[in-house]
Amino acid sequence: MEEARSIHKTLYPISKTIFIETNPIPVKTALGMMGMIKPELRMPLCEMRPENEARLKSVLKNLGVIS
């Protein structure tokens, strides 16, 4: 139970941040930051707001997913 709690505590920030904008925008943006995809969005979706993108980037850096 302690290990599960620790994993949850580590991953909770990304779980919370991934839903700050309409899905799948943050997911595609995160995958783009990780170099896994070209983050193309079709209408009616648009890019993340700059402050939310910065927040997502910060969370990914803190998790060690991006540098």
PDB file of N, CA and C in Angstrom:
ATOM      1  N   MET A   1       0.827  -1.190   0.000  1.00  0.00           N
ATOM      2  CA  MET A   1       0.000   0.000   0.000  1.00  0.00           C
ATOM      3  C   MET A   1       0.873   1.256   0.000  1.00  0.00           C
ATOM      4  N   GLU A   2       1.972   1.219   0.713  1.00  0.00           N
ATOM      5  CA  GLU A   2       2.877   2.368   0.758  1.00  0.00           C
ATOM      6  C   GLU A   2       3.474   2.653  -0.616  1.00  0.00           C
ATOM      7  N   GLU A   3       3.844   1.586  -1.320  1.00  0.00           N
ATOM      8  CA  GLU A   3       4.423   1.774  -2.656  1.00  0.00           C
ATOM      9  C   GLU A   3       3.388   2.381  -3.602  1.00  0.00           C
ATOM     10  N   ALA A   4       2.163   1.909  -3.549  1.00  0.00           N
ATOM     11  CA  ALA A   4       1.091   2.455  -4.385  1.00  0.00           C
ATOM     12  C   ALA A   4       0.849   3.923  -4.052  1.00  0.00           C
ATOM     13  N   ARG A   5       0.858   4.259  -2.773  1.00  0.00           N
ATOM     14  CA  ARG A   5       0.664   5.639  -2.329  1.00  0.00           C
ATOM     15  C   ARG A   5       1.800   6.523  -2.853  1.00  0.00           C
ATOM     16  N   SER A   6       3.001   6.010  -2.819  1.00  0.00           N
ATOM     17  CA  SER A   6       4.164   6.762  -3.301  1.00  0.00           C
ATOM     18  C   SER A   6       4.078   7.018  -4.810  1.00  0.00           C
ATOM     19  N   ILE A   7       3.704   5.982  -5.560  1.00  0.00           N
ATOM     20  CA  ILE A   7       3.548   6.132  -7.012  1.00  0.00           C
ATOM     21  C   ILE A   7       2.449   7.135  -7.328  1.00  0.00           C
ATOM     22  N   HIS A   8       1.332   7.023  -6.612  1.00  0.00           N
ATOM     23  CA  HIS A   8       0.224   7.961  -6.821  1.00  0.00           C
ATOM     24  C   HIS A   8       0.670   9.395  -6.538  1.00  0.00           C
ATOM     25  N   LYS A   9       1.389   9.591  -5.452  1.00  0.00           N
ATOM     26  CA  LYS A   9       1.857  10.928  -5.083  1.00  0.00           C
ATOM     27  C   LYS A   9       2.799  11.490  -6.150  1.00  0.00           C
ATOM     28  N   THR A  10       3.618  10.641  -6.732  1.00  0.00           N
ATOM     29  CA  THR A  10       4.542  11.067  -7.781  1.00  0.00           C
ATOM     30  C   THR A  10       3.803  11.450  -9.056  1.00  0.00           C
ATOM     31  N   LEU A  11       2.820  10.640  -9.444  1.00  0.00           N
ATOM     32  CA  LEU A  11       2.131  10.850 -10.721  1.00  0.00           C
ATOM     33  C   LEU A  11       0.918  11.774 -10.646  1.00  0.00           C
ATOM     34  N   TYR A  12       0.468  12.109  -9.453  1.00  0.00           N
ATOM     35  CA  TYR A  12      -0.723  12.936  -9.310  1.00  0.00           C
ATOM     36  C   TYR A  12      -0.617  14.281 -10.038  1.00  0.00           C
ATOM     37  N   PRO A  13       0.526  14.982  -9.987  1.00  0.00           N
ATOM     38  CA  PRO A  13       0.603  16.268 -10.697  1.00  0.00           C
ATOM     39  C   PRO A  13       0.316  16.149 -12.199  1.00  0.00           C
ATOM     40  N   ILE A  14       0.795  15.106 -12.855  1.00  0.00           N
ATOM     41  CA  ILE A  14       0.522  14.965 -14.289  1.00  0.00           C
ATOM     42  C   ILE A  14      -0.941  14.590 -14.511  1.00  0.00           C
ATOM     43  N   SER A  15      -1.494  13.778 -13.628  1.00  0.00           N
ATOM     44  CA  SER A  15      -2.910  13.415 -13.752  1.00  0.00           C
ATOM     45  C   SER A  15      -3.784  14.659 -13.658  1.00  0.00           C
ATOM     46  N   LYS A  16      -3.453  15.546 -12.766  1.00  0.00           N
ATOM     47  CA  LYS A  16      -4.221  16.774 -12.589  1.00  0.00           C
ATOM     48  C   LYS A  16      -3.994  17.748 -13.748  1.00  0.00           C
ATOM     49  N   THR A  17      -2.761  17.889 -14.186  1.00  0.00           N
ATOM     50  CA  THR A  17      -2.407  18.861 -15.222  1.00  0.00           C
ATOM     51  C   THR A  17      -2.909  18.455 -16.599  1.00  0.00           C
ATOM     52  N   ILE A  18      -2.997  17.176 -16.875  1.00  0.00           N
ATOM     53  CA  ILE A  18      -3.382  16.706 -18.205  1.00  0.00           C
ATOM     54  C   ILE A  18      -4.827  17.076 -18.541  1.00  0.00           C
ATOM     55  N   PHE A  19      -5.604  17.486 -17.537  1.00  0.00           N
ATOM     56  CA  PHE A  19      -6.996  17.854 -17.768  1.00  0.00           C
ATOM     57  C   PHE A  19      -7.269  19.347 -17.575  1.00  0.00           C
ATOM     58  N   ILE A  20      -6.232  20.196 -17.640  1.00  0.00           N
ATOM     59  CA  ILE A  20      -6.456  21.633 -17.473  1.00  0.00           C
ATOM     60  C   ILE A  20      -7.083  22.263 -18.710  1.00  0.00           C
ATOM     61  N   GLU A  21      -7.023  21.548 -19.821  1.00  0.00           N
ATOM     62  CA  GLU A  21      -7.696  21.988 -21.044  1.00  0.00           C
ATOM     63  C   GLU A  21      -8.389  20.782 -21.661  1.00  0.00           C
ATOM     64  N   THR A  22      -9.163  21.042 -22.693  1.00  0.00           N
ATOM     65  CA  THR A  22      -9.948  19.993 -23.339  1.00  0.00           C
ATOM     66  C   THR A  22      -9.051  18.872 -23.857  1.00  0.00           C
ATOM     67  N   ASN A  23      -9.436  17.651 -23.531  1.00  0.00           N
ATOM     68  CA  ASN A  23      -8.754  16.468 -24.030  1.00  0.00           C
ATOM     69  C   ASN A  23      -9.007  16.377 -25.536  1.00  0.00           C
ATOM     70  N   PRO A  24      -8.068  16.072 -26.367  1.00  0.00           N
ATOM     71  CA  PRO A  24      -6.725  15.548 -26.159  1.00  0.00           C
ATOM     72  C   PRO A  24      -5.619  16.592 -26.274  1.00  0.00           C
ATOM     73  N   ILE A  25      -5.952  17.866 -26.168  1.00  0.00           N
ATOM     74  CA  ILE A  25      -4.948  18.913 -26.378  1.00  0.00           C
ATOM     75  C   ILE A  25      -3.723  18.738 -25.469  1.00  0.00           C
ATOM     76  N   PRO A  26      -3.876  18.632 -24.141  1.00  0.00           N
ATOM     77  CA  PRO A  26      -2.679  18.481 -23.301  1.00  0.00           C
ATOM     78  C   PRO A  26      -1.922  17.175 -23.545  1.00  0.00           C
ATOM     79  N   VAL A  27      -2.639  16.119 -23.863  1.00  0.00           N
ATOM     80  CA  VAL A  27      -1.974  14.838 -24.127  1.00  0.00           C
ATOM     81  C   VAL A  27      -1.096  14.955 -25.365  1.00  0.00           C
ATOM     82  N   LYS A  28      -1.637  15.518 -26.437  1.00  0.00           N
ATOM     83  CA  LYS A  28      -0.859  15.663 -27.671  1.00  0.00           C
ATOM     84  C   LYS A  28       0.293  16.640 -27.469  1.00  0.00           C
ATOM     85  N   THR A  29       0.052  17.699 -26.691  1.00  0.00           N
ATOM     86  CA  THR A  29       1.118  18.655 -26.408  1.00  0.00           C
ATOM     87  C   THR A  29       2.241  17.991 -25.623  1.00  0.00           C
ATOM     88  N   ALA A  30       1.889  17.202 -24.622  1.00  0.00           N
ATOM     89  CA  ALA A  30       2.894  16.495 -23.820  1.00  0.00           C
ATOM     90  C   ALA A  30       3.683  15.517 -24.683  1.00  0.00           C
ATOM     91  N   LEU A  31       2.991  14.750 -25.515  1.00  0.00           N
ATOM     92  CA  LEU A  31       3.686  13.804 -26.396  1.00  0.00           C
ATOM     93  C   LEU A  31       4.598  14.545 -27.373  1.00  0.00           C
ATOM     94  N   GLY A  32       4.173  15.724 -27.823  1.00  0.00           N
ATOM     95  CA  GLY A  32       5.021  16.544 -28.683  1.00  0.00           C
ATOM     96  C   GLY A  32       6.263  17.019 -27.955  1.00  0.00           C
ATOM     97  N   MET A  33       6.099  17.462 -26.710  1.00  0.00           N
ATOM     98  CA  MET A  33       7.252  17.898 -25.907  1.00  0.00           C
ATOM     99  C   MET A  33       8.230  16.756 -25.685  1.00  0.00           C
ATOM    100  N   MET A  34       7.710  15.546 -25.616  1.00  0.00           N
ATOM    101  CA  MET A  34       8.549  14.366 -25.407  1.00  0.00           C
ATOM    102  C   MET A  34       9.177  13.876 -26.712  1.00  0.00           C
ATOM    103  N   GLY A  35       8.803  14.498 -27.845  1.00  0.00           N
ATOM    104  CA  GLY A  35       9.353  14.106 -29.136  1.00  0.00           C
ATOM    105  C   GLY A  35       8.751  12.843 -29.704  1.00  0.00           C
ATOM    106  N   MET A  36       7.603  12.429 -29.181  1.00  0.00           N
ATOM    107  CA  MET A  36       6.988  11.184 -29.632  1.00  0.00           C
ATOM    108  C   MET A  36       6.063  11.390 -30.833  1.00  0.00           C
ATOM    109  N   ILE A  37       5.492  12.577 -30.957  1.00  0.00           N
ATOM    110  CA  ILE A  37       4.615  12.884 -32.085  1.00  0.00           C
ATOM    111  C   ILE A  37       4.812  14.342 -32.494  1.00  0.00           C
ATOM    112  N   LYS A  38       4.316  14.685 -33.660  1.00  0.00           N
ATOM    113  CA  LYS A  38       4.192  16.079 -34.041  1.00  0.00           C
ATOM    114  C   LYS A  38       2.795  16.492 -33.560  1.00  0.00           C
ATOM    115  N   PRO A  39       2.719  17.420 -32.609  1.00  0.00           N
ATOM    116  CA  PRO A  39       1.431  17.720 -31.973  1.00  0.00           C
ATOM    117  C   PRO A  39       0.470  18.513 -32.863  1.00  0.00           C
ATOM    118  N   GLU A  40      -0.074  17.844 -33.850  1.00  0.00           N
ATOM    119  CA  GLU A  40      -1.019  18.495 -34.757  1.00  0.00           C
ATOM    120  C   GLU A  40      -2.430  18.382 -34.204  1.00  0.00           C
ATOM    121  N   LEU A  41      -3.149  19.478 -34.232  1.00  0.00           N
ATOM    122  CA  LEU A  41      -4.532  19.511 -33.758  1.00  0.00           C
ATOM    123  C   LEU A  41      -5.430  19.945 -34.903  1.00  0.00           C
ATOM    124  N   ARG A  42      -6.544  19.242 -35.056  1.00  0.00           N
ATOM    125  CA  ARG A  42      -7.516  19.623 -36.080  1.00  0.00           C
ATOM    126  C   ARG A  42      -8.622  20.439 -35.430  1.00  0.00           C
ATOM    127  N   MET A  43      -9.233  21.295 -36.234  1.00  0.00           N
ATOM    128  CA  MET A  43     -10.331  22.108 -35.726  1.00  0.00           C
ATOM    129  C   MET A  43     -11.448  21.216 -35.240  1.00  0.00           C
ATOM    130  N   PRO A  44     -12.107  21.571 -34.202  1.00  0.00           N
ATOM    131  CA  PRO A  44     -12.152  22.865 -33.530  1.00  0.00           C
ATOM    132  C   PRO A  44     -11.119  23.002 -32.415  1.00  0.00           C
ATOM    133  N   LEU A  45     -10.194  22.061 -32.282  1.00  0.00           N
ATOM    134  CA  LEU A  45      -9.174  22.151 -31.237  1.00  0.00           C
ATOM    135  C   LEU A  45      -8.134  23.200 -31.601  1.00  0.00           C
ATOM    136  N   CYS A  46      -7.536  23.791 -30.586  1.00  0.00           N
ATOM    137  CA  CYS A  46      -6.489  24.791 -30.799  1.00  0.00           C
ATOM    138  C   CYS A  46      -5.363  24.530 -29.803  1.00  0.00           C
ATOM    139  N   GLU A  47      -4.275  25.269 -29.956  1.00  0.00           N
ATOM    140  CA  GLU A  47      -3.130  25.082 -29.067  1.00  0.00           C
ATOM    141  C   GLU A  47      -3.504  25.460 -27.637  1.00  0.00           C
ATOM    142  N   MET A  48      -2.732  24.937 -26.698  1.00  0.00           N
ATOM    143  CA  MET A  48      -2.946  25.265 -25.287  1.00  0.00           C
ATOM    144  C   MET A  48      -2.631  26.732 -25.037  1.00  0.00           C
ATOM    145  N   ARG A  49      -3.274  27.285 -24.024  1.00  0.00           N
ATOM    146  CA  ARG A  49      -2.925  28.637 -23.606  1.00  0.00           C
ATOM    147  C   ARG A  49      -1.491  28.596 -23.090  1.00  0.00           C
ATOM    148  N   PRO A  50      -0.709  29.644 -23.368  1.00  0.00           N
ATOM    149  CA  PRO A  50       0.713  29.638 -22.991  1.00  0.00           C
ATOM    150  C   PRO A  50       0.966  29.336 -21.513  1.00  0.00           C
ATOM    151  N   GLU A  51       0.141  29.871 -20.621  1.00  0.00           N
ATOM    152  CA  GLU A  51       0.370  29.626 -19.192  1.00  0.00           C
ATOM    153  C   GLU A  51       0.105  28.163 -18.828  1.00  0.00           C
ATOM    154  N   ASN A  52      -0.845  27.537 -19.495  1.00  0.00           N
ATOM    155  CA  ASN A  52      -1.109  26.121 -19.242  1.00  0.00           C
ATOM    156  C   ASN A  52      -0.033  25.238 -19.855  1.00  0.00           C
ATOM    157  N   GLU A  53       0.462  25.626 -21.015  1.00  0.00           N
ATOM    158  CA  GLU A  53       1.549  24.870 -21.642  1.00  0.00           C
ATOM    159  C   GLU A  53       2.806  24.935 -20.776  1.00  0.00           C
ATOM    160  N   ALA A  54       3.084  26.104 -20.207  1.00  0.00           N
ATOM    161  CA  ALA A  54       4.241  26.248 -19.312  1.00  0.00           C
ATOM    162  C   ALA A  54       4.063  25.377 -18.067  1.00  0.00           C
ATOM    163  N   ARG A  55       2.850  25.316 -17.543  1.00  0.00           N
ATOM    164  CA  ARG A  55       2.569  24.476 -16.375  1.00  0.00           C
ATOM    165  C   ARG A  55       2.778  23.001 -16.702  1.00  0.00           C
ATOM    166  N   LEU A  56       2.289  22.573 -17.867  1.00  0.00           N
ATOM    167  CA  LEU A  56       2.469  21.192 -18.310  1.00  0.00           C
ATOM    168  C   LEU A  56       3.953  20.871 -18.469  1.00  0.00           C
ATOM    169  N   LYS A  57       4.685  21.780 -19.090  1.00  0.00           N
ATOM    170  CA  LYS A  57       6.122  21.581 -19.301  1.00  0.00           C
ATOM    171  C   LYS A  57       6.853  21.454 -17.961  1.00  0.00           C
ATOM    172  N   SER A  58       6.471  22.276 -16.999  1.00  0.00           N
ATOM    173  CA  SER A  58       7.087  22.230 -15.684  1.00  0.00           C
ATOM    174  C   SER A  58       6.836  20.877 -15.000  1.00  0.00           C
ATOM    175  N   VAL A  59       5.627  20.390 -15.080  1.00  0.00           N
ATOM    176  CA  VAL A  59       5.295  19.099 -14.478  1.00  0.00           C
ATOM    177  C   VAL A  59       6.092  17.977 -15.148  1.00  0.00           C
ATOM    178  N   LEU A  60       6.164  17.999 -16.472  1.00  0.00           N
ATOM    179  CA  LEU A  60       6.916  16.967 -17.186  1.00  0.00           C
ATOM    180  C   LEU A  60       8.401  17.015 -16.833  1.00  0.00           C
ATOM    181  N   LYS A  61       8.948  18.238 -16.664  1.00  0.00           N
ATOM    182  CA  LYS A  61      10.346  18.359 -16.256  1.00  0.00           C
ATOM    183  C   LYS A  61      10.562  17.811 -14.857  1.00  0.00           C
ATOM    184  N   ASN A  62       9.641  18.144 -13.950  1.00  0.00           N
ATOM    185  CA  ASN A  62       9.771  17.664 -12.572  1.00  0.00           C
ATOM    186  C   ASN A  62       9.703  16.134 -12.483  1.00  0.00           C
ATOM    187  N   LEU A  63       8.967  15.524 -13.399  1.00  0.00           N
ATOM    188  CA  LEU A  63       8.885  14.057 -13.424  1.00  0.00           C
ATOM    189  C   LEU A  63      10.077  13.423 -14.149  1.00  0.00           C
ATOM    190  N   GLY A  64      10.911  14.259 -14.784  1.00  0.00           N
ATOM    191  CA  GLY A  64      12.058  13.746 -15.511  1.00  0.00           C
ATOM    192  C   GLY A  64      11.728  13.160 -16.859  1.00  0.00           C
ATOM    193  N   VAL A  65      10.560  13.501 -17.388  1.00  0.00           N
ATOM    194  CA  VAL A  65      10.129  12.969 -18.685  1.00  0.00           C
ATOM    195  C   VAL A  65      10.755  13.759 -19.825  1.00  0.00           C
ATOM    196  N   ILE A  66      10.954  15.073 -19.596  1.00  0.00           N
ATOM    197  CA  ILE A  66      11.628  15.919 -20.576  1.00  0.00           C
ATOM    198  C   ILE A  66      12.745  16.676 -19.859  1.00  0.00           C
ATOM    199  N   SER A  67      13.663  17.220 -20.639  1.00  0.00           N
ATOM    200  CA  SER A  67      14.760  17.976 -20.009  1.00  0.00           C
ATOM    201  C   SER A  67      14.589  19.456 -20.192  1.00  0.00           C
TER     202      SER A  67
END
